[in-house]
Amino acid sequence: MIDSSNSLDIVLPVLNEEKVLESSVETLISFCNENIRAYDWLITVADNGSTDRTLRIAQALSEKYSKVRYIRLQERGRGRALKKAWSQSGSKILAYMDVDLSTDLRALPDCLKAVNESKIQIAVGSRLIAGSNVIGRSFNREFISRSYSLLFRMMFMVSFRDAQCGFKVVSRKVVEEVVPLVKNDNWFFDTELLMLAEKNGYPIAEIPITWVDDPSSKVNIMRTAFEDIKGLLRLRFRDVARSRKLLKYCE
């Protein structure tokens, strides 16, 4: 029996993903039907300024499946897409994952359980903790990821290790109270959200995942790394007043 309080909205931010969108949504629907039947779940495709057939595919999927909807943003930015999709949703639990489904979906029930059945406010898939299994990742990406993790933990003394994994579940409370504080609209959104959340007393759980590298990923690793470093410096030296606990630490 479905508990109506267990409403869940899973957001897929997409930008020019015509090749994988349909198959990924159908894979996710099948998984949800079989593994999270206790949740009143919904999938939201957040089209983030696509110029290919992504929007038309999202529209067709929403017509074919009652549990699929879509929203359209003209401006790009993953953080911008998540802010809009989450803020417009009425669900109790909000989630997002990368549309390529690089993270094994078997981690989703554990993330949902952590947020829904405990005092945890955020559960994130992690590639950098014991029990995780990372497949096919290049040395350069692994080195940059671990170096970034070490950098932000040294700068802010936070407990989480993997801020960038595109697999996160948050409570409605986080969407209402923490997300509005996040200034970044792009890739740094994830790090800033977790940083502000933990420093303001919102517990975060890291869940080990199996993660398979997508060789066709459009992420520019160097450009993303540069944006992340700029974001860390902004939080550390300029915008800390948005969080009293972060301000106290930085002083």
Protein backbone atom coordinates (compact mmCIF):
# COMPACT_ATOMS: atom_id res chain seq x y z
CA MET A 1 0.00 0.00 0.00
CA ILE A 2 1.34 3.43 -0.96
CA ASP A 3 1.70 5.99 1.81
CA SER A 4 0.71 9.33 0.33
CA SER A 5 3.25 11.04 2.58
CA ASN A 6 6.00 9.17 0.70
CA SER A 7 5.71 11.33 -2.40
CA LEU A 8 8.89 11.39 -4.46
CA ASP A 9 9.95 13.50 -7.43
CA ILE A 10 13.01 12.26 -9.36
CA VAL A 11 14.45 14.98 -11.58
CA LEU A 12 16.56 14.26 -14.66
CA PRO A 13 18.34 17.46 -15.77
CA VAL A 14 19.00 17.14 -19.50
CA LEU A 15 20.83 19.09 -22.16
CA ASN A 16 20.87 17.67 -25.69
CA GLU A 17 20.33 14.08 -24.54
CA GLU A 18 18.20 12.81 -27.43
CA LYS A 19 20.26 9.61 -27.72
CA VAL A 20 19.73 8.34 -24.16
CA LEU A 21 16.67 10.09 -22.73
CA GLU A 22 13.97 7.62 -23.79
CA SER A 23 15.87 4.48 -22.82
CA SER A 24 16.98 5.97 -19.49
CA VAL A 25 13.46 7.08 -18.53
CA GLU A 26 12.05 3.66 -19.40
CA THR A 27 14.80 1.95 -17.39
CA LEU A 28 14.03 4.21 -14.43
CA ILE A 29 10.28 3.57 -14.70
CA SER A 30 10.85 -0.17 -14.69
CA PHE A 31 13.13 0.07 -11.66
CA CYS A 32 10.70 2.24 -9.70
CA ASN A 33 7.78 -0.07 -10.48
CA GLU A 34 9.73 -3.05 -9.16
CA ASN A 35 11.74 -1.58 -6.29
CA ILE A 36 10.11 1.49 -4.75
CA ARG A 37 6.43 0.64 -4.95
CA ALA A 38 5.86 2.06 -1.45
CA TYR A 39 6.55 5.55 -2.84
CA ASP A 40 4.19 7.72 -4.84
CA TRP A 41 6.90 8.53 -7.35
CA LEU A 42 7.10 10.88 -10.32
CA ILE A 43 9.85 11.49 -12.89
CA THR A 44 10.47 15.06 -14.03
CA VAL A 45 12.59 15.69 -17.12
CA ALA A 46 14.09 19.16 -16.77
CA ASP A 47 15.10 20.23 -20.28
CA ASN A 48 17.84 22.77 -19.80
CA GLY A 49 18.03 24.65 -23.10
CA SER A 50 18.38 21.69 -25.47
CA THR A 51 18.65 22.39 -29.19
CA ASP A 52 18.20 18.80 -30.44
CA ARG A 53 15.13 16.52 -30.14
CA THR A 54 15.35 16.23 -26.35
CA LEU A 55 12.29 18.38 -25.66
CA ARG A 56 10.13 16.51 -28.18
CA ILE A 57 11.17 13.19 -26.67
CA ALA A 58 10.35 14.46 -23.18
CA GLN A 59 6.94 15.60 -24.37
CA ALA A 60 6.26 12.21 -25.97
CA LEU A 61 7.30 10.39 -22.80
CA SER A 62 4.96 12.52 -20.69
CA GLU A 63 2.10 11.59 -23.01
CA LYS A 64 2.97 7.90 -22.93
CA TYR A 65 3.55 7.56 -19.19
CA SER A 66 1.34 9.09 -16.50
CA LYS A 67 4.25 9.27 -14.06
CA VAL A 68 6.49 11.32 -16.34
CA ARG A 69 6.32 15.09 -16.73
CA TYR A 70 8.67 17.68 -18.16
CA ILE A 71 9.63 21.30 -17.68
CA ARG A 72 11.50 23.57 -20.07
CA LEU A 73 14.16 26.16 -19.21
CA GLN A 74 15.67 28.44 -21.82
CA GLU A 75 18.80 29.16 -19.76
CA ARG A 76 21.34 26.43 -19.18
CA GLY A 77 22.85 25.23 -15.91
CA ARG A 78 22.24 22.07 -13.90
CA GLY A 79 21.78 23.99 -10.68
CA ARG A 80 19.24 26.28 -12.33
CA ALA A 81 17.27 23.29 -13.59
CA LEU A 82 17.21 21.64 -10.16
CA LYS A 83 16.18 24.83 -8.39
CA LYS A 84 13.21 25.25 -10.69
CA ALA A 85 12.13 21.62 -10.75
CA TRP A 86 12.43 21.13 -7.00
CA SER A 87 10.78 24.44 -6.11
CA GLN A 88 7.80 23.68 -8.37
CA SER A 89 7.33 20.17 -7.03
CA GLY A 90 4.89 19.35 -4.26
CA SER A 91 6.61 16.10 -3.28
CA LYS A 92 7.88 15.36 0.20
CA ILE A 93 11.14 13.87 -1.07
CA LEU A 94 13.13 15.29 -3.99
CA ALA A 95 15.88 13.57 -5.90
CA TYR A 96 17.98 13.93 -8.99
CA MET A 97 20.26 11.74 -11.03
CA ASP A 98 22.31 12.04 -14.19
CA VAL A 99 20.34 10.93 -17.23
CA ASP A 100 23.05 8.50 -18.36
CA LEU A 101 22.32 6.49 -15.19
CA SER A 102 26.04 6.09 -14.48
CA THR A 103 25.09 5.38 -10.86
CA ASP A 104 23.60 1.93 -10.36
CA LEU A 105 19.93 2.44 -9.46
CA ARG A 106 20.16 -0.17 -6.71
CA ALA A 107 21.49 2.61 -4.46
CA LEU A 108 18.23 4.57 -4.75
CA PRO A 109 16.21 2.63 -2.12
CA ASP A 110 19.02 3.11 0.43
CA CYS A 111 19.12 6.86 -0.24
CA LEU A 112 15.35 7.10 0.09
CA LYS A 113 15.34 5.11 3.32
CA ALA A 114 18.03 7.34 4.81
CA VAL A 115 16.02 10.51 4.17
CA ASN A 116 12.54 9.15 4.82
CA GLU A 117 13.12 6.96 7.87
CA SER A 118 15.74 8.83 9.89
CA LYS A 119 16.88 12.32 10.86
CA ILE A 120 19.02 12.53 7.71
CA GLN A 121 18.03 15.43 5.44
CA ILE A 122 20.28 14.64 2.46
CA ALA A 123 21.56 11.32 1.08
CA VAL A 124 24.15 11.33 -1.68
CA GLY A 125 25.73 8.64 -3.79
CA SER A 126 29.47 8.53 -3.16
CA ARG A 127 32.28 7.13 -5.28
CA LEU A 128 34.90 7.95 -2.65
CA ILE A 129 33.93 5.88 0.39
CA ALA A 130 34.41 2.26 1.36
CA GLY A 131 32.03 -0.08 -0.43
CA SER A 132 31.80 1.94 -3.62
CA ASN A 133 32.77 0.44 -6.96
CA VAL A 134 33.96 2.75 -9.75
CA ILE A 135 34.30 1.20 -13.20
CA GLY A 136 36.08 2.60 -16.24
CA ARG A 137 37.14 5.94 -14.82
CA SER A 138 40.35 7.45 -16.19
CA PHE A 139 43.28 8.19 -13.90
CA ASN A 140 42.99 11.94 -14.62
CA ARG A 141 39.30 12.12 -13.60
CA GLU A 142 39.91 10.02 -10.49
CA PHE A 143 42.89 12.17 -9.46
CA ILE A 144 41.00 15.45 -9.98
CA SER A 145 37.96 14.14 -8.09
CA ARG A 146 39.98 13.00 -5.07
CA SER A 147 42.08 16.18 -5.07
CA TYR A 148 38.93 18.30 -5.10
CA SER A 149 37.49 16.27 -2.23
CA LEU A 150 40.63 16.79 -0.18
CA LEU A 151 40.65 20.52 -0.97
CA PHE A 152 37.10 21.32 0.14
CA ARG A 153 37.39 19.14 3.25
CA MET A 154 40.56 20.95 4.28
CA MET A 155 39.03 24.37 3.61
CA PHE A 156 35.70 23.80 5.36
CA MET A 157 36.15 20.75 7.63
CA VAL A 158 33.03 19.00 6.31
CA SER A 159 32.42 15.28 6.65
CA PHE A 160 31.23 14.31 3.16
CA ARG A 161 33.74 13.25 0.51
CA ASP A 162 31.98 13.16 -2.86
CA ALA A 163 30.16 16.42 -3.55
CA GLN A 164 29.82 16.05 -7.31
CA CYS A 165 28.19 12.66 -7.84
CA GLY A 166 24.98 13.17 -9.82
CA PHE A 167 22.82 11.07 -7.49
CA LYS A 168 21.19 12.88 -4.57
CA VAL A 169 18.03 12.69 -2.45
CA VAL A 170 16.90 15.60 -0.26
CA SER A 171 13.99 16.39 2.02
CA ARG A 172 11.36 19.06 1.39
CA LYS A 173 12.89 20.95 4.35
CA VAL A 174 16.20 21.24 2.50
CA VAL A 175 14.48 22.50 -0.66
CA GLU A 176 12.64 25.17 1.30
CA GLU A 177 15.39 26.27 3.68
CA VAL A 178 18.78 25.55 2.07
CA VAL A 179 18.34 25.58 -1.71
CA PRO A 180 17.32 29.30 -1.74
CA LEU A 181 20.72 30.09 -0.19
CA VAL A 182 22.63 28.47 -3.06
CA LYS A 183 23.87 31.06 -5.52
CA ASN A 184 25.50 28.84 -8.13
CA ASP A 185 23.32 27.71 -11.03
CA ASN A 186 25.77 25.34 -12.66
CA TRP A 187 28.02 22.43 -11.61
CA PHE A 188 29.11 23.96 -8.29
CA PHE A 189 25.47 23.85 -7.15
CA ASP A 190 26.02 20.39 -5.63
CA THR A 191 29.03 21.38 -3.54
CA GLU A 192 27.47 24.62 -2.35
CA LEU A 193 24.23 22.87 -1.38
CA LEU A 194 26.03 20.24 0.70
CA MET A 195 28.38 22.79 2.26
CA LEU A 196 25.59 25.11 3.39
CA ALA A 197 23.43 22.22 4.53
CA GLU A 198 26.01 20.58 6.76
CA LYS A 199 27.26 23.85 8.24
CA ASN A 200 23.67 24.70 9.19
CA GLY A 201 23.03 21.40 10.92
CA TYR A 202 21.35 19.33 8.19
CA PRO A 203 22.75 15.78 8.42
CA ILE A 204 24.14 14.21 5.24
CA ALA A 205 24.49 10.49 4.56
CA GLU A 206 26.89 9.17 1.93
CA ILE A 207 25.77 5.93 0.32
CA PRO A 208 28.34 3.73 -1.48
CA ILE A 209 27.46 3.20 -5.11
CA THR A 210 28.50 1.28 -8.18
CA TRP A 211 29.37 3.87 -10.80
CA VAL A 212 30.23 3.22 -14.45
CA ASP A 213 32.06 5.93 -16.35
CA ASP A 214 30.26 7.30 -19.41
CA PRO A 215 32.89 7.80 -22.14
CA SER A 216 30.51 10.10 -24.03
CA SER A 217 30.07 12.49 -21.09
CA LYS A 218 29.84 16.13 -22.17
CA VAL A 219 31.36 17.43 -18.93
CA ASN A 220 34.49 19.50 -19.51
CA ILE A 221 36.52 18.37 -16.52
CA MET A 222 39.00 21.27 -16.52
CA ARG A 223 36.33 23.96 -16.93
CA THR A 224 34.24 22.34 -14.20
CA ALA A 225 37.26 22.12 -11.88
CA PHE A 226 37.99 25.83 -12.44
CA GLU A 227 34.37 26.74 -11.65
CA ASP A 228 34.47 24.61 -8.51
CA ILE A 229 37.62 26.29 -7.22
CA LYS A 230 36.12 29.74 -7.84
CA GLY A 231 33.03 28.64 -5.96
CA LEU A 232 35.04 27.43 -2.97
CA LEU A 233 36.94 30.71 -2.81
CA ARG A 234 33.68 32.67 -2.98
CA LEU A 235 32.20 30.69 -0.10
CA ARG A 236 35.36 30.89 1.98
CA PHE A 237 36.16 34.56 1.62
CA ARG A 238 33.13 36.49 0.34
CA ASP A 239 29.70 34.96 0.77
CA VAL A 240 30.03 33.25 4.12
CA ALA A 241 27.57 35.64 5.77
CA ARG A 242 24.70 33.68 4.23
CA SER A 243 25.37 30.94 6.77
CA ARG A 244 25.96 31.78 10.41
CA LYS A 245 27.80 28.55 11.11
CA LEU A 246 29.93 28.86 7.99
CA LEU A 247 30.70 32.47 8.96
CA LYS A 248 31.66 31.40 12.49
CA TYR A 249 34.01 28.77 11.13
CA CYS A 250 35.67 31.07 8.61
CA GLU A 251 36.24 33.76 11.19
